[in-house]
Amino acid sequence: MDETSPVSHEDSQSLWSAVKESIRGSHRNYTTGPIGRSILLLAIPMVLEMLMESVFAVVDIYWVSQLGGDVAKEAVATVGLTESMLTLVYALAIGLSIGAMAMVARRIGEQNPEGAARAAVQAIALALIVSIIIGLIGAPLAPKLLQLMGGSPWVVEHGAAFTRVMLAGNVTVVMLFMINAIFRGAGDAAIAMRTLWLANWINILLGPCLIFGLGPFPKLGLLGAAIATNIGRGTGALFALSKLIREGGRFNIERRHVRIEPSIIGRLIKLSATGTFQVFIGMASWIGLVRIISSFGSNAVAGYTIGIRVILFALLPSWGMANAAATMVGQALGAGDPDRAERAVWRAGFYNMIFLGIVGLIFVFLAPQIISLYDPEPEVARYGIDCLRIVSYGFLFYAYGMVLGQSFNGAGDAWTPTVINLFVFWLWEIPLAYVLSVWLNMGPEGVFVAITIAFSTLAVVSAIVFRRGRWKKRVV
């Protein structure tokens, strides 16, 4: 059996037994053994974790779209504009988690559980400080931020409460990302998966209760969606924290670890600052795109929001495969085996391409049926269908781009994908979107085409740089 095969004859286990092992939680050493099997054991819970994260991206939009009439259209636009602003928070959360995951993975690969525990505690402390600052600054500015984003008068007046709650509760997002990144770096992907499943089920069940006032719950409308989301995420974060401090994991956090260590925080800030800037460049570009879209009216914004939410539903599980590759890279480099790290990346990219290729075909042929699930107005649906189809054409390229970018981060080389993101998203995608949509009169479709071209460019440039191999020499 080839070592890159996802299933070997080791221990005479079948594919099904490997799937069960991955979901239950595998305690294998990922620095040795068949690469394909290691990717499988890491990727399955990570993909399921990201699948549930993607549910966050569509549940609120679905329930809010059921409010009916013009209110539904404006409410969907409010969620879209707020989520565009929250991409900055997501960028910070993911950036902070990049440093934590790389450092924990490297310590685990070095067989240094003490170092992993110290890194985890400092990462959590840093995340708490940053999220509190964001909440104190962002929540009071909610109406002005919506106005700045081009929201309609209805959105600014009635949507401010939703935006304020989402910004004030950003600590739930940051902590969820951070603690789950620590688990992923350690190879405990199953725990991160369970955390997201818990958080999402709470959101799925509580959302309609608070939005529509079902049973004993008050009818809060759009505000209810924000409250349900934060309760779900907060519960998930507390569950993850309880698992992190328990004994018997890949490393144990003890009372003596609970203190500020400036040297470790300094290294985390160095890694995370670059990682945050990297993700900020990529995710904040969505703000630039939605700002261009908003110039074409609320119908375009609502259609774009629905289309992008469906796309995120597909892309987030693919991040599970990318995260599996990043964990493999970090632990393999810690064990002094860079060749294994490189082989794991290309194998994970191939698996991801197969998955996204299938999803892309489904989106292209079934776009009208998928968008109709949100029951939008015909004009809103038209934009949503165009967005879904056009962006899907770039999925094959982006499958590799996602894996390669995360692999750089897993190696502790956050600077390389940062430079690539800066070029692709800000110096290429946004100007191209403006030229196509405004100068060439393509309207919102021009923005969708620019996204597809950017996806493809990202993959090609990342592959060229990855082959040079400088990431193998990074010290974390």
Protein backbone atom coordinates (compact mmCIF):
# COMPACT_ATOMS: atom_id res chain seq x y z
CA MET A 1 0.00 0.00 0.00
CA ASP A 2 1.40 3.38 -1.00
CA GLU A 3 2.08 5.68 1.94
CA THR A 4 -0.07 8.40 0.43
CA SER A 5 -3.13 6.19 0.31
CA PRO A 6 -5.84 7.46 2.65
CA VAL A 7 -6.36 3.93 4.00
CA SER A 8 -3.60 1.39 4.69
CA HIS A 9 -3.76 -2.24 5.87
CA GLU A 10 -2.22 -1.15 9.16
CA ASP A 11 -3.98 -2.93 12.02
CA SER A 12 -6.32 -4.43 9.35
CA GLN A 13 -8.62 -1.42 9.78
CA SER A 14 -11.22 -0.55 7.18
CA LEU A 15 -12.09 2.88 5.92
CA TRP A 16 -15.16 2.91 8.13
CA SER A 17 -13.13 2.13 11.25
CA ALA A 18 -10.76 4.96 10.35
CA VAL A 19 -13.70 7.35 9.99
CA LYS A 20 -15.01 6.30 13.40
CA GLU A 21 -11.55 6.72 14.91
CA SER A 22 -11.22 10.24 13.52
CA ILE A 23 -14.62 11.33 14.84
CA ARG A 24 -14.09 9.69 18.21
CA GLY A 25 -10.69 11.34 18.51
CA SER A 26 -7.42 9.77 17.41
CA HIS A 27 -4.32 9.88 19.60
CA ARG A 28 -1.94 8.77 16.87
CA ASN A 29 1.42 10.36 16.19
CA TYR A 30 0.94 12.27 12.94
CA THR A 31 4.67 12.69 12.33
CA THR A 32 4.98 9.03 11.28
CA GLY A 33 2.99 6.49 9.31
CA PRO A 34 1.07 6.75 6.02
CA ILE A 35 0.53 10.36 5.00
CA GLY A 36 -2.87 9.76 3.42
CA ARG A 37 -4.19 8.08 6.55
CA SER A 38 -2.89 10.89 8.76
CA ILE A 39 -4.63 13.45 6.56
CA LEU A 40 -7.83 11.41 6.72
CA LEU A 41 -7.79 11.18 10.52
CA LEU A 42 -7.17 14.92 10.86
CA ALA A 43 -9.34 16.14 8.01
CA ILE A 44 -12.62 14.35 8.73
CA PRO A 45 -13.31 16.08 12.07
CA MET A 46 -11.87 19.35 10.73
CA VAL A 47 -14.15 19.23 7.70
CA LEU A 48 -17.15 18.47 9.93
CA GLU A 49 -16.09 21.30 12.23
CA MET A 50 -15.93 23.77 9.36
CA LEU A 51 -19.21 22.44 8.00
CA MET A 52 -20.87 23.49 11.22
CA GLU A 53 -19.06 26.84 11.14
CA SER A 54 -20.54 27.32 7.68
CA VAL A 55 -23.99 26.71 9.15
CA PHE A 56 -23.50 29.93 11.15
CA ALA A 57 -23.08 31.64 7.79
CA VAL A 58 -26.47 30.56 6.44
CA VAL A 59 -28.85 30.00 9.39
CA ASP A 60 -29.30 33.66 10.31
CA ILE A 61 -29.81 34.67 6.69
CA TYR A 62 -32.40 31.94 6.21
CA TRP A 63 -34.53 32.81 9.23
CA VAL A 64 -34.23 36.56 8.70
CA SER A 65 -35.30 36.14 5.06
CA GLN A 66 -38.58 34.67 6.37
CA LEU A 67 -39.61 37.96 8.00
CA GLY A 68 -41.44 38.82 4.78
CA GLY A 69 -41.76 41.74 2.34
CA ASP A 70 -39.47 44.74 2.31
CA VAL A 71 -38.52 44.05 5.94
CA ALA A 72 -36.94 40.74 4.93
CA LYS A 73 -34.95 42.36 2.13
CA GLU A 74 -33.63 45.12 4.38
CA ALA A 75 -32.96 42.66 7.22
CA VAL A 76 -30.93 40.40 4.92
CA ALA A 77 -28.99 43.44 3.74
CA THR A 78 -28.34 44.34 7.40
CA VAL A 79 -26.92 40.88 8.12
CA GLY A 80 -24.79 41.09 4.98
CA LEU A 81 -23.35 44.50 5.85
CA THR A 82 -22.75 43.47 9.48
CA GLU A 83 -21.02 40.26 8.45
CA SER A 84 -18.84 42.28 6.10
CA MET A 85 -17.77 44.40 9.06
CA LEU A 86 -17.31 41.30 11.19
CA THR A 87 -14.83 39.99 8.65
CA LEU A 88 -12.40 42.32 10.41
CA VAL A 89 -13.10 40.50 13.68
CA TYR A 90 -12.83 37.14 11.95
CA ALA A 91 -9.55 38.27 10.42
CA LEU A 92 -8.19 39.13 13.85
CA ALA A 93 -9.48 35.89 15.39
CA ILE A 94 -8.04 33.74 12.62
CA GLY A 95 -4.80 35.72 12.63
CA LEU A 96 -4.35 35.18 16.34
CA SER A 97 -5.17 31.50 15.91
CA ILE A 98 -2.55 31.13 13.15
CA GLY A 99 0.23 31.90 15.59
CA ALA A 100 -1.23 29.66 18.28
CA MET A 101 -1.76 26.71 15.95
CA ALA A 102 1.73 26.96 14.45
CA MET A 103 3.40 27.20 17.86
CA VAL A 104 1.40 24.37 19.47
CA ALA A 105 1.87 22.10 16.43
CA ARG A 106 5.61 22.70 16.42
CA ARG A 107 5.90 21.93 20.15
CA ILE A 108 3.86 18.74 19.75
CA GLY A 109 6.06 17.67 16.84
CA GLU A 110 9.11 18.24 19.05
CA GLN A 111 7.53 16.04 21.77
CA ASN A 112 7.41 19.07 24.09
CA PRO A 113 3.96 19.07 25.80
CA GLU A 114 5.16 21.56 28.43
CA GLY A 115 5.91 24.11 25.71
CA ALA A 116 2.53 23.44 24.07
CA ALA A 117 0.68 24.09 27.36
CA ARG A 118 2.51 27.36 27.95
CA ALA A 119 1.81 28.53 24.40
CA ALA A 120 -1.90 27.67 24.74
CA VAL A 121 -2.36 29.70 27.94
CA GLN A 122 -0.64 32.77 26.52
CA ALA A 123 -2.69 32.54 23.33
CA ILE A 124 -5.96 32.54 25.30
CA ALA A 125 -4.85 35.52 27.40
CA LEU A 126 -3.96 37.47 24.27
CA ALA A 127 -7.31 36.62 22.65
CA LEU A 128 -9.28 37.80 25.69
CA ILE A 129 -7.52 41.17 25.83
CA VAL A 130 -7.99 41.86 22.14
CA SER A 131 -11.68 40.87 22.01
CA ILE A 132 -12.59 43.06 24.98
CA ILE A 133 -11.01 46.07 23.32
CA ILE A 134 -12.92 45.42 20.08
CA GLY A 135 -16.25 45.15 21.90
CA LEU A 136 -15.76 48.36 23.85
CA ILE A 137 -14.89 50.33 20.72
CA GLY A 138 -17.12 48.73 18.09
CA ALA A 139 -20.51 48.35 19.79
CA PRO A 140 -21.19 52.06 20.42
CA LEU A 141 -20.31 52.89 16.81
CA ALA A 142 -22.76 50.40 15.22
CA PRO A 143 -25.10 52.96 13.53
CA LYS A 144 -22.25 54.99 12.09
CA LEU A 145 -20.53 51.87 10.82
CA LEU A 146 -23.68 50.74 8.99
CA GLN A 147 -24.02 54.19 7.47
CA LEU A 148 -20.38 54.12 6.40
CA MET A 149 -20.98 50.78 4.72
CA GLY A 150 -23.71 52.30 2.57
CA GLY A 151 -26.70 50.90 4.44
CA SER A 152 -30.16 52.28 3.66
CA PRO A 153 -31.96 54.50 6.22
CA TRP A 154 -33.98 51.44 7.37
CA VAL A 155 -30.81 49.44 7.88
CA VAL A 156 -29.15 52.21 9.89
CA GLU A 157 -32.20 52.79 12.07
CA HIS A 158 -33.51 49.26 12.63
CA GLY A 159 -30.38 47.18 12.07
CA ALA A 160 -28.09 48.99 14.53
CA ALA A 161 -29.18 46.79 17.46
CA PHE A 162 -28.25 43.62 15.53
CA THR A 163 -24.85 45.05 14.62
CA ARG A 164 -24.23 46.31 18.17
CA VAL A 165 -24.89 42.89 19.73
CA MET A 166 -22.70 41.13 17.17
CA LEU A 167 -19.79 43.50 17.81
CA ALA A 168 -20.21 43.44 21.59
CA GLY A 169 -20.24 39.64 21.55
CA ASN A 170 -17.13 39.28 19.43
CA VAL A 171 -15.36 37.63 22.37
CA THR A 172 -17.34 34.46 21.63
CA VAL A 173 -15.99 34.38 18.07
CA VAL A 174 -12.40 35.11 19.05
CA MET A 175 -12.28 32.55 21.84
CA LEU A 176 -13.97 29.90 19.71
CA PHE A 177 -11.42 30.36 16.94
CA MET A 178 -8.48 30.47 19.33
CA ILE A 179 -9.25 27.42 21.47
CA ASN A 180 -10.18 25.32 18.45
CA ALA A 181 -6.93 26.33 16.75
CA ILE A 182 -5.03 25.09 19.80
CA PHE A 183 -6.81 21.74 19.54
CA ARG A 184 -6.07 21.54 15.82
CA GLY A 185 -2.40 22.30 16.34
CA ALA A 186 -2.22 19.55 18.94
CA GLY A 187 -3.97 17.11 16.62
CA ASP A 188 -7.15 16.94 18.76
CA ALA A 189 -9.41 17.83 15.85
CA ALA A 190 -12.40 15.85 17.16
CA ILE A 191 -12.79 18.16 20.18
CA ALA A 192 -12.86 21.24 17.96
CA MET A 193 -15.52 19.53 15.86
CA ARG A 194 -17.74 18.79 18.86
CA THR A 195 -17.42 22.39 20.01
CA LEU A 196 -18.78 23.77 16.73
CA TRP A 197 -21.57 21.21 16.61
CA LEU A 198 -22.72 22.21 20.08
CA ALA A 199 -22.57 25.92 19.28
CA ASN A 200 -24.48 25.52 16.04
CA TRP A 201 -27.26 23.33 17.36
CA ILE A 202 -27.95 25.92 20.02
CA ASN A 203 -28.04 28.64 17.35
CA ILE A 204 -30.25 26.57 15.02
CA LEU A 205 -32.80 25.82 17.74
CA LEU A 206 -32.73 29.17 19.53
CA GLY A 207 -32.63 31.42 16.43
CA PRO A 208 -36.23 30.99 15.20
CA CYS A 209 -37.51 31.05 18.79
CA LEU A 210 -36.09 34.53 19.41
CA ILE A 211 -36.71 35.88 15.90
CA PHE A 212 -40.39 34.87 15.66
CA GLY A 213 -41.29 34.60 19.38
CA LEU A 214 -42.04 30.88 19.45
CA GLY A 215 -43.43 29.48 22.71
CA PRO A 216 -42.33 31.40 25.79
CA PHE A 217 -39.63 33.34 23.93
CA PRO A 218 -40.04 37.05 23.10
CA LYS A 219 -40.39 38.10 19.45
CA LEU A 220 -37.19 40.05 18.81
CA GLY A 221 -36.97 39.90 15.03
CA LEU A 222 -33.56 40.69 13.61
CA LEU A 223 -32.12 41.30 17.09
CA GLY A 224 -33.09 37.75 18.09
CA ALA A 225 -30.76 36.33 15.43
CA ALA A 226 -27.80 38.16 16.96
CA ILE A 227 -28.63 37.05 20.50
CA ALA A 228 -29.06 33.41 19.48
CA THR A 229 -25.79 33.40 17.57
CA ASN A 230 -23.84 34.80 20.50
CA ILE A 231 -25.43 32.42 23.01
CA GLY A 232 -24.53 29.49 20.77
CA ARG A 233 -20.95 30.60 20.21
CA GLY A 234 -20.46 31.51 23.87
CA THR A 235 -21.64 28.10 25.02
CA GLY A 236 -19.30 26.44 22.52
CA ALA A 237 -16.36 28.51 23.72
CA LEU A 238 -16.99 27.55 27.37
CA PHE A 239 -17.29 23.88 26.41
CA ALA A 240 -13.98 24.04 24.52
CA LEU A 241 -12.26 25.74 27.44
CA SER A 242 -13.47 23.02 29.82
CA LYS A 243 -11.97 20.37 27.54
CA LEU A 244 -8.70 22.27 27.21
CA ILE A 245 -8.03 22.42 30.95
CA ARG A 246 -8.94 18.80 31.62
CA GLU A 247 -6.24 16.23 32.20
CA GLY A 248 -5.40 13.41 29.80
CA GLY A 249 -4.97 15.34 26.55
CA ARG A 250 -1.87 15.73 24.40
CA PHE A 251 -0.72 18.26 26.97
CA ASN A 252 -1.95 19.26 30.43
CA ILE A 253 -2.52 22.84 31.56
CA GLU A 254 -1.65 23.23 35.23
CA ARG A 255 -2.09 26.07 37.70
CA ARG A 256 1.56 27.10 37.30
CA HIS A 257 0.94 27.81 33.61
CA VAL A 258 -1.71 30.44 34.35
CA ARG A 259 0.50 33.51 34.26
CA ILE A 260 1.65 36.06 31.71
CA GLU A 261 4.90 35.10 29.97
CA PRO A 262 6.08 38.11 27.92
CA SER A 263 8.58 36.11 25.86
CA ILE A 264 5.94 33.67 24.58
CA ILE A 265 3.36 36.41 24.07
CA GLY A 266 5.97 38.34 22.11
CA ARG A 267 6.52 35.42 19.75
CA LEU A 268 2.78 34.89 19.44
CA ILE A 269 2.25 38.55 18.61
CA LYS A 270 4.97 38.40 15.99
CA LEU A 271 3.41 35.35 14.35
CA SER A 272 -0.16 36.50 14.84
CA ALA A 273 0.40 40.10 13.74
CA THR A 274 1.55 38.94 10.34
CA GLY A 275 -1.19 36.31 10.25
CA THR A 276 -3.83 38.86 11.22
CA PHE A 277 -2.65 41.26 8.53
CA GLN A 278 -2.71 38.38 6.07
CA VAL A 279 -6.30 37.40 6.88
CA PHE A 280 -7.33 41.04 7.17
CA ILE A 281 -6.16 41.67 3.64
CA GLY A 282 -8.13 38.72 2.34
CA MET A 283 -11.30 39.15 4.38
CA ALA A 284 -11.42 42.94 4.36
CA SER A 285 -11.41 42.76 0.59
CA TRP A 286 -14.99 41.49 0.96
CA ILE A 287 -15.83 44.86 2.50
CA GLY A 288 -14.45 46.59 -0.56
CA LEU A 289 -16.51 44.30 -2.79
CA VAL A 290 -19.76 44.77 -0.87
CA ARG A 291 -19.17 48.54 -0.94
CA ILE A 292 -19.05 48.35 -4.73
CA ILE A 293 -22.14 46.11 -4.77
CA SER A 294 -24.07 48.51 -2.50
CA SER A 295 -23.88 51.20 -5.19
CA PHE A 296 -26.30 49.07 -7.23
CA GLY A 297 -29.00 49.01 -4.51
CA SER A 298 -30.40 46.76 -1.78
CA ASN A 299 -31.54 44.08 -4.26
CA ALA A 300 -27.95 43.60 -5.39
CA VAL A 301 -26.64 43.56 -1.82
CA ALA A 302 -29.27 41.03 -0.71
CA GLY A 303 -28.62 38.77 -3.71
CA TYR A 304 -24.87 38.99 -3.24
CA THR A 305 -25.25 38.23 0.48
CA ILE A 306 -27.31 35.10 -0.17
CA GLY A 307 -24.97 33.88 -2.90
CA ILE A 308 -21.82 34.43 -0.85
CA ARG A 309 -23.36 32.73 2.19
CA VAL A 310 -24.06 29.61 0.11
CA ILE A 311 -20.50 29.73 -1.26
CA LEU A 312 -19.09 30.00 2.27
CA PHE A 313 -21.14 26.95 3.14
CA ALA A 314 -19.02 25.05 0.62
CA LEU A 315 -15.68 26.74 1.21
CA LEU A 316 -15.58 26.44 5.00
CA PRO A 317 -15.55 22.62 5.00
CA SER A 318 -12.65 22.87 2.55
CA TRP A 319 -10.81 24.90 5.15
CA GLY A 320 -10.99 21.72 7.22
CA MET A 321 -8.78 19.99 4.67
CA ALA A 322 -6.49 23.02 4.58
CA ASN A 323 -6.23 23.02 8.38
CA ALA A 324 -5.36 19.33 8.33
CA ALA A 325 -2.49 20.09 5.96
CA ALA A 326 -1.32 22.95 8.22
CA THR A 327 -1.25 20.65 11.26
CA MET A 328 0.69 18.03 9.31
CA VAL A 329 3.21 20.66 8.18
CA GLY A 330 3.76 22.10 11.67
CA GLN A 331 4.18 18.74 13.35
CA ALA A 332 6.37 17.30 10.56
CA LEU A 333 8.71 20.30 10.69
CA GLY A 334 8.85 19.97 14.48
CA ALA A 335 9.90 16.36 13.99
CA GLY A 336 12.57 17.41 11.47
CA ASP A 337 10.89 15.89 8.38
CA PRO A 338 10.20 18.68 5.83
CA ASP A 339 9.77 16.22 2.95
CA ARG A 340 6.83 14.61 4.72
CA ALA A 341 5.34 18.07 5.20
CA GLU A 342 5.55 18.84 1.47
CA ARG A 343 4.05 15.52 0.40
CA ALA A 344 1.16 16.05 2.81
CA VAL A 345 0.35 19.44 1.28
CA TRP A 346 0.08 18.22 -2.30
CA ARG A 347 -1.99 15.22 -1.23
CA ALA A 348 -4.40 17.40 0.76
CA GLY A 349 -4.68 19.81 -2.16
CA PHE A 350 -5.67 16.97 -4.46
CA TYR A 351 -8.37 15.75 -2.07
CA ASN A 352 -9.67 19.31 -1.73
CA MET A 353 -9.80 19.76 -5.49
CA ILE A 354 -11.99 16.68 -5.88
CA PHE A 355 -14.40 17.90 -3.22
CA LEU A 356 -14.71 21.49 -4.45
CA GLY A 357 -14.89 20.37 -8.05
CA ILE A 358 -18.00 18.33 -7.29
CA VAL A 359 -19.54 21.15 -5.25
CA GLY A 360 -18.79 23.64 -8.03
CA LEU A 361 -20.65 21.51 -10.59
CA ILE A 362 -23.65 21.28 -8.26
CA PHE A 363 -23.71 25.05 -7.80
CA VAL A 364 -23.45 25.75 -11.53
CA PHE A 365 -26.32 23.45 -12.52
CA LEU A 366 -28.59 23.85 -9.49
CA ALA A 367 -28.06 27.53 -8.63
CA PRO A 368 -31.74 28.56 -9.15
CA GLN A 369 -33.01 25.76 -6.94
CA ILE A 370 -30.44 26.50 -4.20
CA ILE A 371 -31.12 30.24 -4.13
CA SER A 372 -34.89 29.62 -4.14
CA LEU A 373 -34.54 28.00 -0.71
CA TYR A 374 -34.21 31.54 0.65
CA ASP A 375 -37.45 32.56 -1.10
CA PRO A 376 -36.09 35.91 -2.29
CA GLU A 377 -37.78 38.37 -4.63
CA PRO A 378 -37.11 37.65 -8.34
CA GLU A 379 -34.68 40.54 -8.69
CA VAL A 380 -32.76 39.49 -5.57
CA ALA A 381 -32.71 35.88 -6.76
CA ARG A 382 -31.23 36.89 -10.11
CA TYR A 383 -28.19 38.42 -8.45
CA GLY A 384 -27.83 35.48 -6.09
CA ILE A 385 -27.88 32.95 -8.94
CA ASP A 386 -25.30 34.89 -10.95
CA CYS A 387 -23.03 35.17 -7.91
CA LEU A 388 -23.25 31.47 -7.13
CA ARG A 389 -22.57 30.32 -10.69
CA ILE A 390 -19.79 32.73 -11.61
CA VAL A 391 -17.79 32.37 -8.40
CA SER A 392 -18.07 28.56 -8.56
CA TYR A 393 -16.00 28.53 -11.74
CA GLY A 394 -12.91 29.29 -9.63
CA PHE A 395 -13.37 26.44 -7.15
CA LEU A 396 -10.86 24.03 -8.71
CA PHE A 397 -8.07 26.58 -8.42
CA TYR A 398 -9.10 27.81 -5.02
CA ALA A 399 -9.03 24.26 -3.63
CA TYR A 400 -5.26 24.25 -3.96
CA GLY A 401 -4.92 27.91 -2.98
CA MET A 402 -6.60 27.29 0.38
CA VAL A 403 -4.37 24.33 1.24
CA LEU A 404 -1.16 26.06 0.16
CA GLY A 405 -1.94 29.23 2.10
CA GLN A 406 -2.71 27.37 5.31
CA SER A 407 0.41 25.22 4.87
CA PHE A 408 2.60 28.31 4.89
CA ASN A 409 0.91 29.30 8.14
CA GLY A 410 1.37 25.84 9.64
CA ALA A 411 5.08 26.20 8.98
CA GLY A 412 5.12 29.54 10.81
CA ASP A 413 5.71 31.43 7.55
CA ALA A 414 2.75 33.78 7.75
CA TRP A 415 4.55 36.52 5.83
CA THR A 416 4.54 34.74 2.46
CA PRO A 417 0.75 34.31 2.15
CA THR A 418 0.37 37.86 3.49
CA VAL A 419 2.28 39.29 0.55
CA ILE A 420 0.36 37.05 -1.85
CA ASN A 421 -3.00 38.15 -0.38
CA LEU A 422 -2.01 41.81 -0.62
CA PHE A 423 -1.22 41.44 -4.30
CA VAL A 424 -4.17 39.23 -5.24
CA PHE A 425 -6.98 40.86 -3.27
CA TRP A 426 -6.14 44.53 -2.95
CA LEU A 427 -3.94 45.28 -5.95
CA TRP A 428 -5.79 42.96 -8.32
CA GLU A 429 -9.28 41.84 -7.23
CA ILE A 430 -10.80 45.11 -5.97
CA PRO A 431 -9.54 47.34 -8.80
CA LEU A 432 -10.64 44.69 -11.30
CA ALA A 433 -14.09 44.49 -9.69
CA TYR A 434 -14.50 48.26 -9.97
CA VAL A 435 -13.34 48.36 -13.58
CA LEU A 436 -15.60 45.50 -14.65
CA SER A 437 -18.71 46.58 -12.74
CA VAL A 438 -18.53 50.36 -13.14
CA TRP A 439 -16.29 51.28 -16.05
CA LEU A 440 -17.36 48.39 -18.29
CA ASN A 441 -20.99 48.54 -17.08
CA MET A 442 -21.16 44.87 -16.09
CA GLY A 443 -22.85 45.79 -12.81
CA PRO A 444 -22.70 43.30 -9.92
CA GLU A 445 -21.73 40.54 -12.35
CA GLY A 446 -18.40 42.31 -12.81
CA VAL A 447 -17.69 41.86 -9.11
CA PHE A 448 -18.49 38.15 -9.33
CA VAL A 449 -16.12 37.69 -12.28
CA ALA A 450 -13.36 39.52 -10.39
CA ILE A 451 -13.75 37.12 -7.44
CA THR A 452 -13.36 34.11 -9.75
CA ILE A 453 -10.25 35.53 -11.40
CA ALA A 454 -8.74 36.35 -8.00
CA PHE A 455 -9.34 32.79 -6.72
CA SER A 456 -7.46 31.40 -9.71
CA THR A 457 -4.60 33.88 -9.41
CA LEU A 458 -4.16 33.07 -5.72
CA ALA A 459 -3.71 29.36 -6.41
CA VAL A 460 -1.19 29.80 -9.23
CA VAL A 461 0.99 32.29 -7.36
CA SER A 462 0.91 30.24 -4.14
CA ALA A 463 1.98 27.07 -5.96
CA ILE A 464 4.94 28.81 -7.59
CA VAL A 465 6.17 30.24 -4.29
CA PHE A 466 5.54 27.01 -2.35
CA ARG A 467 7.78 25.01 -4.65
CA ARG A 468 10.74 27.24 -3.75
CA GLY A 469 10.70 25.66 -0.28
CA ARG A 470 11.76 28.60 1.88
CA TRP A 471 8.93 27.80 4.31
CA LYS A 472 10.81 24.66 5.38
CA LYS A 473 13.44 26.79 7.14
CA ARG A 474 11.13 28.83 9.38
CA VAL A 475 11.83 28.75 13.13
CA VAL A 476 8.81 28.99 15.46
